[in-house]
Amino acid sequence: MVYVMGAQCNGVFAPAVRIVRDEPSPFSRPIIDEGPPFLRTWRRVYVLILVYLAAVIFGLYLFGRAFA
């Protein structure tokens, strides 16, 4: 016996069964995207994070050069 997607088959794969429902799924509700708590747009937040990361990397580079 072979079990495929919960169905018993005798060595043969059963086709996938699609269940059609009238009511919408709770996972299909629209997601409301809220803005970030500061800087007004997510793009600005990401740019700030990249600038901060570059500053930390550059600072560590200078620190390493000073004490090498």
C-alpha atoms as a PDB file:
ATOM      1  CA  MET A   1       0.000   0.000   0.000  1.00  0.00           C
ATOM      2  CA  VAL A   2       1.146   3.513  -0.796  1.00  0.00           C
ATOM      3  CA  TYR A   3      -0.238   6.534   1.032  1.00  0.00           C
ATOM      4  CA  VAL A   4      -0.410   9.705  -1.056  1.00  0.00           C
ATOM      5  CA  MET A   5      -1.781  12.884   0.483  1.00  0.00           C
ATOM      6  CA  GLY A   6      -3.830  10.914   2.982  1.00  0.00           C
ATOM      7  CA  ALA A   7      -5.419   8.635   0.349  1.00  0.00           C
ATOM      8  CA  GLN A   8      -4.739   4.914   0.099  1.00  0.00           C
ATOM      9  CA  CYS A   9      -3.541   3.707  -3.278  1.00  0.00           C
ATOM     10  CA  ASN A  10      -2.425   0.304  -4.490  1.00  0.00           C
ATOM     11  CA  GLY A  11       0.907   1.323  -6.024  1.00  0.00           C
ATOM     12  CA  VAL A  12      -0.694   4.093  -8.099  1.00  0.00           C
ATOM     13  CA  PHE A  13      -0.490   7.795  -7.318  1.00  0.00           C
ATOM     14  CA  ALA A  14      -3.847   9.433  -6.791  1.00  0.00           C
ATOM     15  CA  PRO A  15      -4.469  12.828  -8.378  1.00  0.00           C
ATOM     16  CA  ALA A  16      -4.441  15.826  -6.068  1.00  0.00           C
ATOM     17  CA  VAL A  17      -7.865  16.817  -4.821  1.00  0.00           C
ATOM     18  CA  ARG A  18      -8.828  20.479  -4.764  1.00  0.00           C
ATOM     19  CA  ILE A  19     -11.392  21.525  -2.182  1.00  0.00           C
ATOM     20  CA  VAL A  20     -13.588  24.455  -3.169  1.00  0.00           C
ATOM     21  CA  ARG A  21     -15.230  26.393  -0.370  1.00  0.00           C
ATOM     22  CA  ASP A  22     -17.788  29.172  -0.472  1.00  0.00           C
ATOM     23  CA  GLU A  23     -16.460  31.017   2.577  1.00  0.00           C
ATOM     24  CA  PRO A  24     -13.096  32.819   2.294  1.00  0.00           C
ATOM     25  CA  SER A  25     -10.113  31.400   4.097  1.00  0.00           C
ATOM     26  CA  PRO A  26      -8.997  33.266   7.241  1.00  0.00           C
ATOM     27  CA  PHE A  27      -5.547  33.491   5.626  1.00  0.00           C
ATOM     28  CA  SER A  28      -6.836  35.356   2.554  1.00  0.00           C
ATOM     29  CA  ARG A  29      -7.744  38.538   4.418  1.00  0.00           C
ATOM     30  CA  PRO A  30      -5.904  41.641   3.181  1.00  0.00           C
ATOM     31  CA  ILE A  31      -2.913  42.658   5.286  1.00  0.00           C
ATOM     32  CA  ILE A  32      -2.841  46.297   6.294  1.00  0.00           C
ATOM     33  CA  ASP A  33       0.700  47.600   6.010  1.00  0.00           C
ATOM     34  CA  GLU A  34       1.489  50.207   8.616  1.00  0.00           C
ATOM     35  CA  GLY A  35       4.179  52.788   8.143  1.00  0.00           C
ATOM     36  CA  PRO A  36       7.341  52.778  10.208  1.00  0.00           C
ATOM     37  CA  PRO A  37       7.310  54.553  13.570  1.00  0.00           C
ATOM     38  CA  PHE A  38       9.868  57.091  12.290  1.00  0.00           C
ATOM     39  CA  LEU A  39      11.214  58.498   8.978  1.00  0.00           C
ATOM     40  CA  ARG A  40       7.751  58.088   7.352  1.00  0.00           C
ATOM     41  CA  THR A  41       8.719  55.439   4.725  1.00  0.00           C
ATOM     42  CA  TRP A  42      10.300  51.997   4.907  1.00  0.00           C
ATOM     43  CA  ARG A  43      12.777  52.966   2.193  1.00  0.00           C
ATOM     44  CA  ARG A  44      14.221  55.697   4.431  1.00  0.00           C
ATOM     45  CA  VAL A  45      14.498  53.238   7.322  1.00  0.00           C
ATOM     46  CA  TYR A  46      16.409  50.770   5.124  1.00  0.00           C
ATOM     47  CA  VAL A  47      18.723  53.517   3.850  1.00  0.00           C
ATOM     48  CA  LEU A  48      19.419  54.601   7.437  1.00  0.00           C
ATOM     49  CA  ILE A  49      20.246  50.996   8.388  1.00  0.00           C
ATOM     50  CA  LEU A  50      22.641  50.657   5.429  1.00  0.00           C
ATOM     51  CA  VAL A  51      24.362  53.973   6.257  1.00  0.00           C
ATOM     52  CA  TYR A  52      24.693  52.919   9.900  1.00  0.00           C
ATOM     53  CA  LEU A  53      26.141  49.547   8.874  1.00  0.00           C
ATOM     54  CA  ALA A  54      28.648  51.231   6.534  1.00  0.00           C
ATOM     55  CA  ALA A  55      29.679  53.626   9.345  1.00  0.00           C
ATOM     56  CA  VAL A  56      30.210  50.725  11.782  1.00  0.00           C
ATOM     57  CA  ILE A  57      32.278  48.797   9.224  1.00  0.00           C
ATOM     58  CA  PHE A  58      34.369  51.877   8.423  1.00  0.00           C
ATOM     59  CA  GLY A  59      34.853  52.610  12.136  1.00  0.00           C
ATOM     60  CA  LEU A  60      36.035  49.062  12.782  1.00  0.00           C
ATOM     61  CA  TYR A  61      38.366  49.317   9.788  1.00  0.00           C
ATOM     62  CA  LEU A  62      39.918  52.506  11.221  1.00  0.00           C
ATOM     63  CA  PHE A  63      40.170  50.883  14.653  1.00  0.00           C
ATOM     64  CA  GLY A  64      41.944  47.880  13.161  1.00  0.00           C
ATOM     65  CA  ARG A  65      44.369  50.067  11.213  1.00  0.00           C
ATOM     66  CA  ALA A  66      45.186  52.150  14.285  1.00  0.00           C
ATOM     67  CA  PHE A  67      46.047  49.126  16.452  1.00  0.00           C
ATOM     68  CA  ALA A  68      47.634  46.852  13.804  1.00  0.00           C
END
